[in-house]
């Protein structure tokens, strides 16, 4: 665990890159379900990364269900950043890359 703490410290000590700041201005929307453990895990991941997002429950909100169906409609969670970036399912690495935490 010592290595993870060191990496976490490095991220907290460095200012975000311009690409990260631009992405932070883009609206993040997470489509999920009360019954999905992956949706809960995605919420926790986004909160841990400090990402502001709107959480739409497709099993409770008919409008959210229609939006989700137009985007994919196959699985939850589904994360949409702006109009271009989409993460299907719980993919920790892809989310971290999207927000500049890994591999940038």
Protein backbone atom coordinates (compact mmCIF):
# COMPACT_ATOMS: atom_id res chain seq x y z
CA UNK A 1 0.00 0.00 0.00
CA UNK A 2 2.95 2.34 0.43
CA UNK A 3 3.33 2.76 -3.35
CA UNK A 4 -0.32 3.76 -3.77
CA UNK A 5 0.03 6.39 -1.04
CA UNK A 6 3.06 7.84 -2.83
CA UNK A 7 1.20 8.04 -6.14
CA UNK A 8 -1.81 9.61 -4.41
CA UNK A 9 0.49 12.20 -2.79
CA UNK A 10 2.02 13.07 -6.17
CA UNK A 11 -1.40 13.73 -7.71
CA UNK A 12 -2.41 15.95 -4.80
CA UNK A 13 0.82 17.94 -5.04
CA UNK A 14 0.59 18.67 -8.78
CA UNK A 15 -1.88 20.99 -10.45
CA UNK A 16 -4.19 19.44 -13.06
CA UNK A 17 -3.17 19.60 -16.70
CA UNK A 18 -5.03 21.85 -19.14
CA UNK A 19 -6.69 18.77 -20.68
CA UNK A 20 -7.98 17.75 -17.26
CA UNK A 21 -9.33 21.26 -16.59
CA UNK A 22 -11.17 21.24 -19.92
CA UNK A 23 -12.69 17.85 -19.16
CA UNK A 24 -13.73 19.03 -15.70
CA UNK A 25 -15.81 21.79 -17.35
CA UNK A 26 -17.67 19.19 -19.40
CA UNK A 27 -20.82 17.79 -17.84
CA UNK A 28 -20.56 14.20 -16.61
CA UNK A 29 -23.71 12.10 -16.47
CA UNK A 30 -23.81 8.62 -14.96
CA UNK A 31 -26.70 6.32 -15.85
CA UNK A 32 -27.15 3.58 -13.30
CA UNK A 33 -29.57 1.40 -11.40
CA UNK A 34 -30.35 0.79 -7.74
CA UNK A 35 -29.93 -2.93 -8.34
CA UNK A 36 -26.48 -2.72 -9.95
CA UNK A 37 -23.39 -3.20 -7.79
CA UNK A 38 -21.29 -1.84 -10.65
CA UNK A 39 -23.33 1.38 -10.61
CA UNK A 40 -22.61 1.79 -6.90
CA UNK A 41 -18.91 1.10 -7.52
CA UNK A 42 -18.83 3.70 -10.30
CA UNK A 43 -20.44 6.31 -8.01
CA UNK A 44 -17.77 5.60 -5.39
CA UNK A 45 -14.97 5.82 -7.96
CA UNK A 46 -16.17 9.16 -9.33
CA UNK A 47 -16.53 10.53 -5.81
CA UNK A 48 -13.03 9.30 -4.89
CA UNK A 49 -11.62 11.05 -7.98
CA UNK A 50 -13.45 14.25 -7.07
CA UNK A 51 -15.49 14.25 -10.27
CA UNK A 52 -18.76 16.16 -10.21
CA UNK A 53 -21.49 14.29 -12.04
CA UNK A 54 -25.22 13.94 -12.35
CA UNK A 55 -26.52 10.50 -11.38
CA UNK A 56 -29.61 9.32 -13.27
CA UNK A 57 -31.34 6.13 -12.19
CA UNK A 58 -32.74 4.41 -15.26
CA UNK A 59 -34.94 2.11 -13.19
CA UNK A 60 -36.73 5.08 -11.53
CA UNK A 61 -36.73 7.89 -14.10
CA UNK A 62 -38.46 7.33 -17.47
CA UNK A 63 -36.64 10.30 -19.05
CA UNK A 64 -33.28 8.90 -17.91
CA UNK A 65 -34.30 5.49 -19.29
CA UNK A 66 -35.01 7.03 -22.73
CA UNK A 67 -31.67 8.89 -22.77
CA UNK A 68 -29.81 5.74 -21.72
CA UNK A 69 -31.57 3.68 -24.41
CA UNK A 70 -30.58 6.24 -27.08
CA UNK A 71 -26.94 6.09 -25.97
CA UNK A 72 -26.60 2.34 -25.50
CA UNK A 73 -29.41 0.75 -23.53
CA UNK A 74 -27.52 -2.47 -22.92
CA UNK A 75 -25.77 -2.17 -19.58
CA UNK A 76 -25.32 0.02 -16.55
CA UNK A 77 -23.39 1.87 -15.44
CA UNK A 78 -22.89 4.09 -18.44
CA UNK A 79 -20.84 7.26 -18.01
CA UNK A 80 -21.15 10.07 -20.53
CA UNK A 81 -18.78 13.03 -20.62
CA UNK A 82 -20.14 15.85 -22.74
CA UNK A 83 -21.28 14.59 -26.13
CA UNK A 84 -18.31 12.44 -27.10
CA UNK A 85 -16.84 10.25 -24.34
CA UNK A 86 -18.71 7.22 -23.09
CA UNK A 87 -17.63 4.48 -20.69
CA UNK A 88 -19.79 1.36 -20.73
CA UNK A 89 -19.78 -0.76 -17.58
CA UNK A 90 -17.48 -0.35 -14.61
CA UNK A 91 -14.06 0.24 -16.15
CA UNK A 92 -11.83 1.84 -13.49
CA UNK A 93 -8.80 2.27 -15.78
CA UNK A 94 -10.78 3.87 -18.61
CA UNK A 95 -12.42 6.32 -16.19
CA UNK A 96 -9.06 7.19 -14.64
CA UNK A 97 -7.56 7.75 -18.10
CA UNK A 98 -10.52 9.90 -19.14
CA UNK A 99 -9.91 12.23 -16.22
CA UNK A 100 -6.12 12.25 -16.53
CA UNK A 101 -5.29 10.06 -13.50
CA UNK A 102 -3.60 7.19 -15.38
CA UNK A 103 -1.52 6.93 -18.53
CA UNK A 104 -1.41 10.60 -19.47
